[in-house]
C-alpha atoms as a PDB file:
ATOM      1  CA  UNK A   1      16.916  53.014  20.374  1.00  0.00           C
ATOM      2  CA  UNK A   2      16.252  52.669  16.507  1.00  0.00           C
ATOM      3  CA  UNK A   3      16.756  49.592  14.391  1.00  0.00           C
ATOM      4  CA  UNK A   4      17.143  48.811  10.744  1.00  0.00           C
ATOM      5  CA  UNK A   5      14.234  47.376   8.753  1.00  0.00           C
ATOM      6  CA  UNK A   6      13.525  46.445   5.344  1.00  0.00           C
ATOM      7  CA  UNK A   7      10.348  45.147   3.621  1.00  0.00           C
ATOM      8  CA  UNK A   8      12.078  43.095   1.297  1.00  0.00           C
ATOM      9  CA  UNK A   9      13.303  45.955  -1.220  1.00  0.00           C
ATOM     10  CA  UNK A  10      11.546  48.605   0.399  1.00  0.00           C
ATOM     11  CA  UNK A  11      12.794  51.320   3.115  1.00  0.00           C
ATOM     12  CA  UNK A  12       9.283  52.692   3.650  1.00  0.00           C
ATOM     13  CA  UNK A  13       8.851  50.414   6.553  1.00  0.00           C
ATOM     14  CA  UNK A  14       5.713  52.265   7.738  1.00  0.00           C
ATOM     15  CA  UNK A  15       3.563  51.128   4.929  1.00  0.00           C
ATOM     16  CA  UNK A  16       3.821  47.473   6.227  1.00  0.00           C
ATOM     17  CA  UNK A  17       3.922  48.082   9.653  1.00  0.00           C
ATOM     18  CA  UNK A  18       1.342  49.965  12.164  1.00  0.00           C
ATOM     19  CA  UNK A  19       3.769  50.277  15.763  1.00  0.00           C
ATOM     20  CA  UNK A  20       1.721  52.291  19.135  1.00  0.00           C
ATOM     21  CA  UNK A  21       2.446  52.173  22.451  1.00  0.00           C
ATOM     22  CA  UNK A  22       0.163  49.222  23.085  1.00  0.00           C
ATOM     23  CA  UNK A  23       0.649  46.950  19.841  1.00  0.00           C
ATOM     24  CA  UNK A  24       2.337  45.581  16.401  1.00  0.00           C
ATOM     25  CA  UNK A  25       0.930  44.942  13.725  1.00  0.00           C
ATOM     26  CA  UNK A  26       2.802  43.810  10.853  1.00  0.00           C
ATOM     27  CA  UNK A  27       1.743  43.203   7.237  1.00  0.00           C
ATOM     28  CA  UNK A  28       1.338  39.382   6.519  1.00  0.00           C
ATOM     29  CA  UNK A  29       3.878  38.245   3.728  1.00  0.00           C
ATOM     30  CA  UNK A  30       6.700  39.986   5.294  1.00  0.00           C
ATOM     31  CA  UNK A  31      10.024  38.364   5.397  1.00  0.00           C
ATOM     32  CA  UNK A  32      10.500  36.281   8.649  1.00  0.00           C
ATOM     33  CA  UNK A  33      13.675  38.959   8.442  1.00  0.00           C
ATOM     34  CA  UNK A  34      11.086  41.871   8.732  1.00  0.00           C
ATOM     35  CA  UNK A  35       8.388  40.603  11.447  1.00  0.00           C
ATOM     36  CA  UNK A  36      11.433  39.641  13.725  1.00  0.00           C
ATOM     37  CA  UNK A  37      12.834  42.663  13.830  1.00  0.00           C
ATOM     38  CA  UNK A  38       9.605  43.901  15.146  1.00  0.00           C
ATOM     39  CA  UNK A  39       9.214  40.552  17.212  1.00  0.00           C
ATOM     40  CA  UNK A  40      12.869  41.163  18.675  1.00  0.00           C
ATOM     41  CA  UNK A  41      12.488  44.429  19.763  1.00  0.00           C
ATOM     42  CA  UNK A  42       9.220  44.766  21.170  1.00  0.00           C
ATOM     43  CA  UNK A  43       7.683  41.461  21.896  1.00  0.00           C
ATOM     44  CA  UNK A  44       8.550  40.828  25.478  1.00  0.00           C
ATOM     45  CA  UNK A  45       6.470  44.621  26.348  1.00  0.00           C
ATOM     46  CA  UNK A  46       3.776  44.565  23.654  1.00  0.00           C
ATOM     47  CA  UNK A  47       1.257  42.469  20.773  1.00  0.00           C
ATOM     48  CA  UNK A  48       2.914  41.533  17.665  1.00  0.00           C
ATOM     49  CA  UNK A  49       1.145  40.042  14.956  1.00  0.00           C
ATOM     50  CA  UNK A  50       0.867  39.195  11.299  1.00  0.00           C
ATOM     51  CA  UNK A  51      -2.403  41.070   9.907  1.00  0.00           C
ATOM     52  CA  UNK A  52      -3.856  41.878   6.212  1.00  0.00           C
ATOM     53  CA  UNK A  53      -6.367  44.610   5.258  1.00  0.00           C
ATOM     54  CA  UNK A  54      -8.196  43.908   2.519  1.00  0.00           C
ATOM     55  CA  UNK A  55      -5.814  40.955   1.218  1.00  0.00           C
ATOM     56  CA  UNK A  56      -2.742  43.498   1.623  1.00  0.00           C
ATOM     57  CA  UNK A  57       0.636  43.965   3.256  1.00  0.00           C
ATOM     58  CA  UNK A  58       0.127  47.310   3.547  1.00  0.00           C
ATOM     59  CA  UNK A  59      -1.403  47.377   7.215  1.00  0.00           C
ATOM     60  CA  UNK A  60       0.167  50.774   8.151  1.00  0.00           C
ATOM     61  CA  UNK A  61      -0.714  52.661   5.320  1.00  0.00           C
ATOM     62  CA  UNK A  62      -4.396  51.216   5.352  1.00  0.00           C
ATOM     63  CA  UNK A  63      -4.622  51.975   9.330  1.00  0.00           C
ATOM     64  CA  UNK A  64      -5.008  54.317  11.694  1.00  0.00           C
ATOM     65  CA  UNK A  65      -4.160  54.332  15.388  1.00  0.00           C
ATOM     66  CA  UNK A  66      -3.211  54.550  18.984  1.00  0.00           C
ATOM     67  CA  UNK A  67      -3.093  52.947  22.560  1.00  0.00           C
ATOM     68  CA  UNK A  68      -6.562  53.233  22.523  1.00  0.00           C
ATOM     69  CA  UNK A  69      -8.007  51.852  19.623  1.00  0.00           C
ATOM     70  CA  UNK A  70      -7.407  51.222  15.644  1.00  0.00           C
ATOM     71  CA  UNK A  71      -9.029  52.450  12.176  1.00  0.00           C
ATOM     72  CA  UNK A  72      -9.739  50.055   9.321  1.00  0.00           C
ATOM     73  CA  UNK A  73     -11.277  50.691   6.378  1.00  0.00           C
ATOM     74  CA  UNK A  74     -14.553  48.906   5.137  1.00  0.00           C
ATOM     75  CA  UNK A  75     -12.187  46.780   2.340  1.00  0.00           C
ATOM     76  CA  UNK A  76     -11.001  44.777   5.552  1.00  0.00           C
ATOM     77  CA  UNK A  77     -12.345  41.434   5.712  1.00  0.00           C
ATOM     78  CA  UNK A  78     -15.135  39.412   8.344  1.00  0.00           C
ATOM     79  CA  UNK A  79     -11.885  37.380   8.423  1.00  0.00           C
ATOM     80  CA  UNK A  80      -8.991  39.438   8.873  1.00  0.00           C
ATOM     81  CA  UNK A  81     -10.799  41.881  11.407  1.00  0.00           C
ATOM     82  CA  UNK A  82     -12.184  38.699  13.986  1.00  0.00           C
ATOM     83  CA  UNK A  83      -7.611  38.484  13.982  1.00  0.00           C
ATOM     84  CA  UNK A  84      -7.046  42.037  14.529  1.00  0.00           C
ATOM     85  CA  UNK A  85      -9.123  41.759  17.300  1.00  0.00           C
ATOM     86  CA  UNK A  86      -8.487  38.199  18.739  1.00  0.00           C
ATOM     87  CA  UNK A  87      -4.765  39.783  19.088  1.00  0.00           C
ATOM     88  CA  UNK A  88      -5.245  43.544  20.164  1.00  0.00           C
ATOM     89  CA  UNK A  89      -4.503  44.177  23.751  1.00  0.00           C
ATOM     90  CA  UNK A  90      -8.311  44.082  25.803  1.00  0.00           C
ATOM     91  CA  UNK A  91      -9.244  47.746  25.893  1.00  0.00           C
ATOM     92  CA  UNK A  92      -8.268  48.848  22.492  1.00  0.00           C
ATOM     93  CA  UNK A  93     -11.070  49.688  20.496  1.00  0.00           C
ATOM     94  CA  UNK A  94     -11.385  48.524  16.688  1.00  0.00           C
ATOM     95  CA  UNK A  95     -13.614  50.218  13.671  1.00  0.00           C
ATOM     96  CA  UNK A  96     -14.571  49.545  10.526  1.00  0.00           C
ATOM     97  CA  UNK A  97     -15.305  52.424   8.595  1.00  0.00           C
ATOM     98  CA  UNK A  98     -16.194  53.507   5.255  1.00  0.00           C
ATOM     99  CA  UNK A  99     -14.273  56.343   3.276  1.00  0.00           C
ATOM    100  CA  UNK A 100     -13.664  56.959   0.147  1.00  0.00           C
ATOM    101  CA  UNK A 101     -10.133  58.261   1.071  1.00  0.00           C
ATOM    102  CA  UNK A 102      -9.891  54.230   2.391  1.00  0.00           C
ATOM    103  CA  UNK A 103      -5.429  54.937   2.912  1.00  0.00           C
ATOM    104  CA  UNK A 104      -6.621  56.179   6.361  1.00  0.00           C
ATOM    105  CA  UNK A 105      -2.765  55.946   7.169  1.00  0.00           C
ATOM    106  CA  UNK A 106      -2.342  58.660   4.786  1.00  0.00           C
ATOM    107  CA  UNK A 107      -5.033  61.080   5.855  1.00  0.00           C
ATOM    108  CA  UNK A 108      -5.151  61.038   9.562  1.00  0.00           C
ATOM    109  CA  UNK A 109      -1.725  61.639  11.546  1.00  0.00           C
ATOM    110  CA  UNK A 110      -2.578  60.675  15.449  1.00  0.00           C
ATOM    111  CA  UNK A 111      -0.947  59.875  18.669  1.00  0.00           C
ATOM    112  CA  UNK A 112      -2.959  59.302  21.950  1.00  0.00           C
ATOM    113  CA  UNK A 113      -3.854  63.112  22.591  1.00  0.00           C
ATOM    114  CA  UNK A 114      -4.369  64.494  18.990  1.00  0.00           C
ATOM    115  CA  UNK A 115      -5.553  63.975  15.602  1.00  0.00           C
ATOM    116  CA  UNK A 116      -4.629  65.905  12.018  1.00  0.00           C
ATOM    117  CA  UNK A 117      -7.115  65.272   9.732  1.00  0.00           C
ATOM    118  CA  UNK A 118      -7.096  65.487   5.734  1.00  0.00           C
ATOM    119  CA  UNK A 119      -9.729  68.070   4.833  1.00  0.00           C
ATOM    120  CA  UNK A 120     -11.517  65.670   2.726  1.00  0.00           C
ATOM    121  CA  UNK A 121     -12.272  63.416   5.255  1.00  0.00           C
ATOM    122  CA  UNK A 122     -16.222  62.593   5.995  1.00  0.00           C
ATOM    123  CA  UNK A 123     -17.495  64.809   9.460  1.00  0.00           C
ATOM    124  CA  UNK A 124     -19.071  60.861  10.374  1.00  0.00           C
ATOM    125  CA  UNK A 125     -15.228  59.354  10.301  1.00  0.00           C
ATOM    126  CA  UNK A 126     -13.975  62.221  11.949  1.00  0.00           C
ATOM    127  CA  UNK A 127     -16.687  61.965  14.384  1.00  0.00           C
ATOM    128  CA  UNK A 128     -15.240  58.234  14.652  1.00  0.00           C
ATOM    129  CA  UNK A 129     -12.122  58.925  14.800  1.00  0.00           C
ATOM    130  CA  UNK A 130     -12.821  61.312  17.863  1.00  0.00           C
ATOM    131  CA  UNK A 131     -14.761  58.430  19.741  1.00  0.00           C
ATOM    132  CA  UNK A 132     -12.274  55.635  18.779  1.00  0.00           C
ATOM    133  CA  UNK A 133      -8.824  57.490  19.009  1.00  0.00           C
ATOM    134  CA  UNK A 134      -9.059  59.890  21.572  1.00  0.00           C
ATOM    135  CA  UNK A 135     -10.433  59.571  24.972  1.00  0.00           C
ATOM    136  CA  UNK A 136      -9.908  63.133  26.209  1.00  0.00           C
ATOM    137  CA  UNK A 137     -12.727  65.137  24.659  1.00  0.00           C
ATOM    138  CA  UNK A 138     -11.020  68.633  24.927  1.00  0.00           C
ATOM    139  CA  UNK A 139     -11.599  71.079  21.675  1.00  0.00           C
ATOM    140  CA  UNK A 140      -9.264  73.328  22.746  1.00  0.00           C
ATOM    141  CA  UNK A 141      -6.537  74.460  20.012  1.00  0.00           C
ATOM    142  CA  UNK A 142      -3.620  75.645  20.951  1.00  0.00           C
ATOM    143  CA  UNK A 143      -2.642  78.776  18.686  1.00  0.00           C
ATOM    144  CA  UNK A 144       0.524  77.076  17.665  1.00  0.00           C
ATOM    145  CA  UNK A 145      -1.601  74.565  16.026  1.00  0.00           C
ATOM    146  CA  UNK A 146      -4.008  76.978  14.541  1.00  0.00           C
ATOM    147  CA  UNK A 147      -1.137  78.787  12.679  1.00  0.00           C
ATOM    148  CA  UNK A 148      -0.036  74.809  11.600  1.00  0.00           C
ATOM    149  CA  UNK A 149      -3.448  73.592  10.606  1.00  0.00           C
ATOM    150  CA  UNK A 150      -3.500  77.116   8.484  1.00  0.00           C
ATOM    151  CA  UNK A 151      -0.530  76.492   6.939  1.00  0.00           C
ATOM    152  CA  UNK A 152      -1.354  72.970   6.327  1.00  0.00           C
ATOM    153  CA  UNK A 153      -4.768  72.940   5.346  1.00  0.00           C
ATOM    154  CA  UNK A 154      -6.128  70.076   7.422  1.00  0.00           C
ATOM    155  CA  UNK A 155      -8.520  70.010  10.114  1.00  0.00           C
ATOM    156  CA  UNK A 156      -7.499  69.287  13.918  1.00  0.00           C
ATOM    157  CA  UNK A 157      -9.992  66.547  15.995  1.00  0.00           C
ATOM    158  CA  UNK A 158      -9.196  67.686  19.004  1.00  0.00           C
ATOM    159  CA  UNK A 159      -5.966  68.990  21.444  1.00  0.00           C
ATOM    160  CA  UNK A 160      -4.304  68.712  24.708  1.00  0.00           C
ATOM    161  CA  UNK A 161      -0.877  70.108  23.106  1.00  0.00           C
END
């Protein structure tokens, strides 16, 4: 099912929400109409909650996550971190990281099995992405993925594609 939504006057809803198979985080300050779209469609299945990161509503842009975990930038306050920790389902890891490229949602693309990262991402952050987001430790990268990585010049973390 696909549902239309807007955040105020913006069509870029992924900037203001982080949706995974196990939780949905919606930026604080979102209009109730925006929040209610997620809550109406998902609250029977997964937790839907308001949150902010670094006192902003751009939770989708600043975080990266999947059913295994959620990584947020070091600009996330202790209070925000605690609220998110309390809102996430048990078993979902939460990690705050210090990274120059703090818009993690812009520099890491991941699902539950593979993550593709910006080539300038710090090696320590790549290691954290592996431990928080990827439960499978396979380092096997398919030939098709290798070709894609060569074309777009990004680094794969792990793959079971």
